[in-house]
Amino acid sequence: MSVTTAAPAPQHGVMKEMSFLDRWLPAWIGLAMVVGLALGRFVPGLDTALEAVKIGEVSLPIAIGLLVMMYPVLAKVRYDETHRVAGDKRLMITSLVLNWVVGPALMFALAWMLLPDLPEYRTGLIIVGLARCIAMVFIWNDLACGDREAAAVLVAINSVFQVIAFGALGWFYLQVLPSWLGLPTTSADFSVWAIVLSVLVFLGIPLLAGFLTRTLGEKAKGRTWYEETFLPKIGPWALYGLLFTIVLLFALQGEAITSNPWDVARIALPLLAYFVLMFSISLIASKAVGLNYAKSTTVAFTAAGNNFELAIAVAIGTFGVTSGQALAGVVGPLIEVPVLVGLVYVSLWAGRRLFPGDPTVPARPETAAAHRA
């Protein structure tokens, strides 16, 4: 997918029309959110049932939904081409700076600017800003026709940095930096095990499954069969898993969200600003350093998205399930899902204008749909 080192992914079997699921995807996501909120609000005991079995602090049904969502996308990655990504210093440096310098600093600034009177929510948002995305980013990247191999490598690197740097950055942004600026500080203890478990479950399992599927599938029947026959069959399951996960997430937190509409609105404002600004800054910065559309899109989505599973787990483990910090983490996906879906369409629209003549830019919506098949 790189302009200089590799051709764009072949568009086998380009559909004359987008599938029914693709054409109405924003509507399905909106419906899933509404259904989840309604279930959480009006079905007694549903939250208790969903929380009965957990992986760390994440409900087992939600974990299953995330794994189903991620597996088809990671099965599409050409792992024998990831070396070209790892060798792209512009890509790697740009992504690391955006994820681990710009992202946390931007969320810190927005949280203090827009929630100066709400310390619990502010702290929760800062924790969200520290948890870099390792799950849903694969879906947004694939929908926008980003570079799959780049996404796999960048997410893996983010995962390593998350284990190493999350606690140190939390200490810096909650205690050191506020103290330097003469602002109130917050004490928080971070569980390294919670971070490691999040990485192992939500990246390690689907990554290993995707790698083994491609390796064994190509060895048994060849790349042509694998990409033209097998992948189109499992491709829709990524979106099924996404919709299932959204319903469960919003069902689990439906009562908390609908019971505090004004608080949710206050938390939503800095989140909305963060996602839009982070995506825009990352896309423009990636183009400025010479990356093509596919890689720029991947950098933008990996920088804009957040690991809400980890953020919620840390907030609950540190401050309690009923804390304002936990509610801020819960509101994260409430805002992230629709905003990043919207940014997928912005990316497809902006690609033809920001990257004229770039062969990695999908020419038409149906071409983008075929890329995901």
Protein backbone atom coordinates (compact mmCIF):
# COMPACT_ATOMS: atom_id res chain seq x y z
CA MET A 1 0.00 0.00 0.00
CA SER A 2 3.02 2.27 0.19
CA VAL A 3 3.57 4.53 -2.81
CA THR A 4 7.29 3.85 -2.86
CA THR A 5 7.69 0.28 -1.66
CA ALA A 6 4.54 -1.69 -2.40
CA ALA A 7 1.52 -1.67 -4.65
CA PRO A 8 -1.92 -1.07 -3.22
CA ALA A 9 -3.86 -4.11 -2.05
CA PRO A 10 -5.62 -5.74 -5.00
CA GLN A 11 -9.29 -4.97 -5.28
CA HIS A 12 -10.56 -8.45 -6.14
CA GLY A 13 -14.24 -8.81 -6.93
CA VAL A 14 -15.17 -5.11 -6.86
CA MET A 15 -18.90 -4.96 -6.22
CA LYS A 16 -21.09 -2.91 -8.48
CA GLU A 17 -23.04 -1.84 -5.44
CA MET A 18 -22.24 -1.63 -1.76
CA SER A 19 -23.69 -4.39 0.35
CA PHE A 20 -26.81 -3.76 2.40
CA LEU A 21 -24.75 -3.84 5.60
CA ASP A 22 -22.16 -1.38 4.25
CA ARG A 23 -24.71 1.03 2.80
CA TRP A 24 -26.57 1.41 6.07
CA LEU A 25 -23.67 0.96 8.51
CA PRO A 26 -24.13 4.30 10.35
CA ALA A 27 -27.81 3.46 10.83
CA TRP A 28 -26.98 -0.01 12.20
CA ILE A 29 -24.47 1.45 14.64
CA GLY A 30 -26.96 4.08 15.78
CA LEU A 31 -29.62 1.42 16.20
CA ALA A 32 -27.21 -0.80 18.17
CA MET A 33 -26.47 2.09 20.53
CA VAL A 34 -30.16 2.82 21.07
CA VAL A 35 -30.99 -0.86 21.61
CA GLY A 36 -28.14 -1.21 24.09
CA LEU A 37 -29.15 1.87 26.05
CA ALA A 38 -32.78 0.71 26.15
CA LEU A 39 -31.82 -2.78 27.32
CA GLY A 40 -29.57 -1.38 30.04
CA ARG A 41 -32.22 1.03 31.21
CA PHE A 42 -35.34 -1.13 31.11
CA VAL A 43 -34.20 -4.76 31.57
CA PRO A 44 -33.63 -5.38 35.30
CA GLY A 45 -30.56 -7.39 36.20
CA LEU A 46 -29.06 -7.35 32.70
CA ASP A 47 -25.94 -5.51 33.84
CA THR A 48 -25.44 -8.06 36.62
CA ALA A 49 -25.80 -10.95 34.16
CA LEU A 50 -23.31 -9.38 31.73
CA GLU A 51 -20.82 -8.80 34.56
CA ALA A 52 -21.20 -12.31 36.00
CA VAL A 53 -18.11 -13.57 34.20
CA LYS A 54 -15.19 -11.27 33.46
CA ILE A 55 -11.78 -11.20 31.86
CA GLY A 56 -10.05 -8.73 34.14
CA GLU A 57 -12.57 -5.92 34.44
CA VAL A 58 -14.21 -6.58 31.05
CA SER A 59 -17.43 -8.58 30.72
CA LEU A 60 -16.86 -11.94 29.00
CA PRO A 61 -19.65 -11.39 26.39
CA ILE A 62 -18.09 -8.03 25.49
CA ALA A 63 -14.65 -9.64 25.27
CA ILE A 64 -16.08 -12.27 22.90
CA GLY A 65 -17.67 -9.55 20.78
CA LEU A 66 -14.36 -7.70 20.52
CA LEU A 67 -12.50 -10.86 19.52
CA VAL A 68 -15.10 -11.70 16.85
CA MET A 69 -14.84 -8.13 15.60
CA MET A 70 -11.04 -8.13 15.35
CA TYR A 71 -10.35 -11.62 14.01
CA PRO A 72 -11.51 -11.15 10.39
CA VAL A 73 -9.56 -7.91 10.05
CA LEU A 74 -6.36 -9.46 11.41
CA ALA A 75 -6.86 -12.50 9.18
CA LYS A 76 -6.64 -10.11 6.21
CA VAL A 77 -3.21 -8.78 7.18
CA ARG A 78 -0.38 -9.91 4.94
CA TYR A 79 2.10 -10.68 7.68
CA ASP A 80 4.92 -11.34 5.22
CA GLU A 81 4.74 -7.65 4.28
CA THR A 82 4.95 -6.17 7.78
CA HIS A 83 8.71 -5.78 7.46
CA ARG A 84 8.19 -2.86 5.06
CA VAL A 85 6.19 -1.08 7.76
CA ALA A 86 8.74 -1.66 10.50
CA GLY A 87 11.42 -0.23 8.23
CA ASP A 88 9.50 2.99 7.51
CA LYS A 89 11.08 5.42 9.99
CA ARG A 90 8.76 8.29 9.03
CA LEU A 91 5.72 6.16 9.81
CA MET A 92 7.09 4.79 13.06
CA ILE A 93 8.37 8.09 14.48
CA THR A 94 5.23 10.00 13.46
CA SER A 95 2.97 7.42 15.07
CA LEU A 96 4.97 7.23 18.31
CA VAL A 97 5.08 11.01 18.73
CA LEU A 98 1.37 11.40 18.02
CA ASN A 99 0.33 8.53 20.31
CA TRP A 100 2.60 9.06 23.28
CA VAL A 101 3.33 12.80 23.25
CA VAL A 102 0.59 14.66 21.41
CA GLY A 103 -2.40 12.48 22.38
CA PRO A 104 -1.99 12.46 26.18
CA ALA A 105 -1.01 16.17 26.20
CA LEU A 106 -4.06 17.13 24.11
CA MET A 107 -6.46 15.20 26.35
CA PHE A 108 -4.86 16.73 29.45
CA ALA A 109 -5.32 20.22 28.03
CA LEU A 110 -8.93 19.64 26.93
CA ALA A 111 -9.88 18.02 30.25
CA TRP A 112 -8.56 20.96 32.25
CA MET A 113 -9.98 23.59 29.88
CA LEU A 114 -13.49 22.13 29.66
CA LEU A 115 -13.87 20.38 33.04
CA PRO A 116 -12.01 22.63 35.50
CA ASP A 117 -14.77 22.22 38.11
CA LEU A 118 -15.22 18.44 37.79
CA PRO A 119 -12.03 16.74 39.04
CA GLU A 120 -13.35 13.15 38.92
CA TYR A 121 -14.47 13.39 35.29
CA ARG A 122 -11.30 15.27 34.40
CA THR A 123 -9.13 12.52 35.87
CA GLY A 124 -11.17 9.86 34.04
CA LEU A 125 -10.62 11.62 30.72
CA ILE A 126 -6.88 11.93 31.31
CA ILE A 127 -6.77 8.17 31.92
CA VAL A 128 -8.67 7.63 28.66
CA GLY A 129 -6.08 9.77 26.87
CA LEU A 130 -3.27 7.56 28.17
CA ALA A 131 -4.88 4.31 26.94
CA ARG A 132 -3.93 4.05 23.29
CA CYS A 133 -6.18 2.03 21.01
CA ILE A 134 -5.51 -1.68 20.41
CA ALA A 135 -8.95 -3.01 19.42
CA MET A 136 -11.56 -1.08 17.46
CA VAL A 137 -8.91 0.80 15.50
CA PHE A 138 -8.69 -2.21 13.18
CA ILE A 139 -12.34 -1.76 12.24
CA TRP A 140 -12.09 2.00 11.60
CA ASN A 141 -8.85 1.55 9.66
CA ASP A 142 -10.34 -1.19 7.51
CA LEU A 143 -13.52 0.77 6.80
CA ALA A 144 -11.40 3.72 5.65
CA CYS A 145 -9.15 1.47 3.50
CA GLY A 146 -6.05 2.11 5.57
CA ASP A 147 -2.90 0.01 5.47
CA ARG A 148 -3.68 -3.24 7.30
CA GLU A 149 -0.08 -4.27 7.75
CA ALA A 150 0.80 -0.84 9.16
CA ALA A 151 -2.14 -1.05 11.56
CA ALA A 152 -0.99 -4.43 12.86
CA VAL A 153 2.57 -3.21 13.45
CA LEU A 154 1.59 0.14 15.01
CA VAL A 155 -0.94 -1.44 17.35
CA ALA A 156 1.62 -4.03 18.44
CA ILE A 157 4.12 -1.26 19.19
CA ASN A 158 1.48 0.75 21.04
CA SER A 159 0.76 -2.34 23.13
CA VAL A 160 4.39 -2.65 24.19
CA PHE A 161 4.54 1.06 25.02
CA GLN A 162 1.26 0.74 26.92
CA VAL A 163 2.70 -1.86 29.26
CA ILE A 164 5.91 0.12 29.78
CA ALA A 165 4.71 3.72 29.80
CA PHE A 166 1.10 3.82 31.05
CA GLY A 167 1.92 3.98 34.74
CA ALA A 168 4.71 6.54 34.29
CA LEU A 169 2.56 8.78 32.12
CA GLY A 170 -0.31 8.51 34.59
CA TRP A 171 1.99 9.68 37.38
CA PHE A 172 3.26 12.54 35.19
CA TYR A 173 -0.13 13.84 33.99
CA LEU A 174 -1.98 13.37 37.28
CA GLN A 175 0.70 14.50 39.72
CA VAL A 176 3.87 15.99 38.24
CA LEU A 177 2.52 18.27 35.48
CA PRO A 178 -0.41 19.65 37.53
CA SER A 179 2.04 20.39 40.37
CA TRP A 180 4.32 22.31 37.98
CA LEU A 181 1.33 24.32 36.74
CA GLY A 182 0.02 25.04 40.24
CA LEU A 183 -3.06 22.83 39.73
CA PRO A 184 -4.57 20.21 42.09
CA THR A 185 -2.96 16.78 41.81
CA THR A 186 -4.53 13.32 41.85
CA SER A 187 -3.05 10.14 43.27
CA ALA A 188 -3.67 6.92 41.36
CA ASP A 189 -2.19 3.42 41.45
CA PHE A 190 -2.07 1.54 38.16
CA SER A 191 -2.10 -2.24 37.93
CA VAL A 192 0.51 -3.44 35.47
CA TRP A 193 -1.32 -6.77 35.34
CA ALA A 194 -4.53 -5.05 34.16
CA ILE A 195 -2.58 -3.46 31.32
CA VAL A 196 -0.82 -6.69 30.36
CA LEU A 197 -4.10 -8.64 30.45
CA SER A 198 -5.80 -6.05 28.23
CA VAL A 199 -3.01 -6.32 25.67
CA LEU A 200 -2.87 -10.12 25.74
CA VAL A 201 -6.63 -10.61 25.39
CA PHE A 202 -7.68 -7.85 23.02
CA LEU A 203 -4.62 -7.95 20.77
CA GLY A 204 -2.73 -11.17 21.42
CA ILE A 205 -5.56 -13.67 20.86
CA PRO A 206 -7.01 -12.26 17.60
CA LEU A 207 -3.52 -11.43 16.28
CA LEU A 208 -2.35 -15.02 16.79
CA ALA A 209 -5.58 -16.39 15.31
CA GLY A 210 -5.31 -14.13 12.27
CA PHE A 211 -1.66 -15.00 11.70
CA LEU A 212 -2.27 -18.74 11.96
CA THR A 213 -5.33 -18.57 9.71
CA ARG A 214 -3.45 -16.80 6.92
CA THR A 215 -0.31 -18.89 7.26
CA LEU A 216 -2.12 -22.24 7.29
CA GLY A 217 -4.76 -21.17 4.76
CA GLU A 218 -2.22 -19.98 2.19
CA LYS A 219 -0.06 -23.05 2.76
CA ALA A 220 -3.02 -25.35 2.20
CA LYS A 221 -4.77 -23.67 -0.76
CA GLY A 222 -2.70 -20.68 -1.85
CA ARG A 223 -3.07 -16.91 -1.60
CA THR A 224 -5.59 -16.57 -4.42
CA TRP A 225 -8.10 -18.92 -2.77
CA TYR A 226 -7.45 -17.38 0.63
CA GLU A 227 -8.05 -13.78 -0.49
CA GLU A 228 -10.77 -14.34 -3.10
CA THR A 229 -12.77 -17.14 -1.46
CA PHE A 230 -12.08 -17.38 2.26
CA LEU A 231 -11.72 -13.73 3.28
CA PRO A 232 -15.01 -12.58 1.70
CA LYS A 233 -16.81 -15.25 3.73
CA ILE A 234 -15.43 -14.15 7.11
CA GLY A 235 -15.25 -10.42 6.32
CA PRO A 236 -18.82 -9.48 7.39
CA TRP A 237 -18.25 -10.99 10.83
CA ALA A 238 -16.06 -8.02 11.76
CA LEU A 239 -19.07 -5.72 11.47
CA TYR A 240 -21.38 -8.26 13.14
CA GLY A 241 -18.94 -8.38 16.05
CA LEU A 242 -18.80 -4.58 16.15
CA LEU A 243 -22.59 -4.24 16.35
CA PHE A 244 -22.84 -7.00 18.97
CA THR A 245 -20.14 -5.32 21.08
CA ILE A 246 -21.84 -1.93 20.85
CA VAL A 247 -25.17 -3.35 22.01
CA LEU A 248 -23.53 -5.02 25.02
CA LEU A 249 -21.37 -2.03 25.94
CA PHE A 250 -24.31 0.33 25.99
CA ALA A 251 -26.56 -2.22 27.71
CA LEU A 252 -23.98 -2.63 30.47
CA GLN A 253 -23.81 1.10 31.09
CA GLY A 254 -27.26 2.15 29.88
CA GLU A 255 -28.62 3.13 33.28
CA ALA A 256 -25.54 5.11 34.27
CA ILE A 257 -25.58 7.01 30.99
CA THR A 258 -29.32 7.74 30.85
CA SER A 259 -29.46 8.68 34.55
CA ASN A 260 -26.80 11.40 34.19
CA PRO A 261 -27.52 13.12 30.85
CA TRP A 262 -25.99 16.47 31.84
CA ASP A 263 -22.83 14.85 33.19
CA VAL A 264 -22.56 12.78 30.02
CA ALA A 265 -22.88 15.96 27.94
CA ARG A 266 -20.11 17.67 29.93
CA ILE A 267 -17.81 14.66 29.49
CA ALA A 268 -18.74 14.33 25.82
CA LEU A 269 -17.55 17.81 24.84
CA PRO A 270 -13.80 17.32 25.46
CA LEU A 271 -14.02 13.80 24.03
CA LEU A 272 -15.61 15.08 20.83
CA ALA A 273 -12.98 17.80 20.52
CA TYR A 274 -10.22 15.28 21.21
CA PHE A 275 -11.26 12.74 18.57
CA VAL A 276 -11.74 15.35 15.84
CA LEU A 277 -8.58 17.30 16.64
CA MET A 278 -6.40 14.23 17.10
CA PHE A 279 -7.56 12.69 13.84
CA SER A 280 -7.10 15.93 11.89
CA ILE A 281 -3.68 16.68 13.36
CA SER A 282 -2.51 13.12 12.68
CA LEU A 283 -3.78 12.99 9.10
CA ILE A 284 -2.19 16.34 8.21
CA ALA A 285 1.08 15.51 10.02
CA SER A 286 1.31 12.16 8.22
CA LYS A 287 0.80 13.80 4.83
CA ALA A 288 3.36 16.47 5.75
CA VAL A 289 6.07 13.86 6.36
CA GLY A 290 5.32 12.21 3.02
CA LEU A 291 3.14 9.21 3.89
CA ASN A 292 0.54 8.03 1.39
CA TYR A 293 -3.21 7.95 2.01
CA ALA A 294 -3.34 4.38 3.34
CA LYS A 295 -0.55 4.89 5.87
CA SER A 296 -1.71 8.39 6.82
CA THR A 297 -5.19 7.06 7.52
CA THR A 298 -3.77 4.27 9.64
CA VAL A 299 -1.65 6.68 11.67
CA ALA A 300 -4.66 8.98 12.13
CA PHE A 301 -6.98 6.25 13.42
CA THR A 302 -4.37 4.61 15.67
CA ALA A 303 -3.69 8.04 17.19
CA ALA A 304 -7.33 9.16 17.52
CA GLY A 305 -8.77 5.95 18.99
CA ASN A 306 -8.45 4.87 22.60
CA ASN A 307 -8.40 1.60 24.53
CA PHE A 308 -11.61 2.17 26.49
CA GLU A 309 -11.47 -1.38 27.89
CA LEU A 310 -8.21 -0.55 29.66
CA ALA A 311 -9.33 2.93 30.70
CA ILE A 312 -12.51 1.58 32.28
CA ALA A 313 -10.61 -1.24 34.00
CA VAL A 314 -8.05 1.18 35.48
CA ALA A 315 -10.72 3.69 36.57
CA ILE A 316 -12.82 1.00 38.26
CA GLY A 317 -9.83 -0.70 39.86
CA THR A 318 -8.42 2.59 41.20
CA PHE A 319 -11.48 4.71 42.02
CA GLY A 320 -14.42 2.27 42.16
CA VAL A 321 -17.26 1.22 39.87
CA THR A 322 -19.53 4.12 40.88
CA SER A 323 -16.85 6.80 40.61
CA GLY A 324 -16.90 9.77 38.28
CA GLN A 325 -13.65 8.51 36.79
CA ALA A 326 -15.36 5.25 35.81
CA LEU A 327 -18.31 7.13 34.27
CA ALA A 328 -15.88 9.20 32.17
CA GLY A 329 -14.35 5.96 30.90
CA VAL A 330 -17.79 4.56 30.10
CA VAL A 331 -18.77 7.68 28.13
CA GLY A 332 -15.62 7.16 26.01
CA PRO A 333 -17.10 4.57 23.62
CA LEU A 334 -20.45 6.39 23.67
CA ILE A 335 -18.70 9.27 21.87
CA GLU A 336 -15.88 7.40 20.16
CA VAL A 337 -18.01 4.96 18.17
CA PRO A 338 -20.23 7.44 16.27
CA VAL A 339 -17.47 10.06 15.91
CA LEU A 340 -14.92 7.65 14.47
CA VAL A 341 -17.53 6.16 12.14
CA GLY A 342 -18.10 9.71 10.93
CA LEU A 343 -14.34 10.20 10.55
CA VAL A 344 -14.21 7.09 8.34
CA TYR A 345 -16.41 8.94 5.85
CA VAL A 346 -14.39 12.13 6.33
CA SER A 347 -11.23 10.15 5.57
CA LEU A 348 -12.68 8.65 2.38
CA TRP A 349 -13.90 12.10 1.30
CA ALA A 350 -10.69 13.93 2.18
CA GLY A 351 -8.44 11.29 0.64
CA ARG A 352 -9.29 12.24 -2.92
CA ARG A 353 -8.61 15.91 -2.11
CA LEU A 354 -5.53 15.68 0.09
CA PHE A 355 -3.83 12.84 -1.84
CA PRO A 356 -4.53 13.47 -5.54
CA GLY A 357 -3.14 10.75 -7.77
CA ASP A 358 -2.37 8.44 -4.82
CA PRO A 359 -3.17 4.85 -5.88
CA THR A 360 -4.04 3.87 -2.29
CA VAL A 361 -7.03 6.24 -2.24
CA PRO A 362 -10.29 4.33 -2.91
CA ALA A 363 -11.90 5.89 -5.97
CA ARG A 364 -15.52 5.09 -5.10
CA PRO A 365 -17.54 3.88 -2.10
CA GLU A 366 -18.05 0.51 -3.73
CA THR A 367 -14.27 0.18 -4.13
CA ALA A 368 -13.92 0.73 -0.40
CA ALA A 369 -16.55 -1.93 0.24
CA ALA A 370 -14.65 -4.38 -1.96
CA HIS A 371 -11.43 -3.62 -0.11
CA ARG A 372 -13.07 -4.77 3.11
CA ALA A 373 -14.62 -7.91 1.62
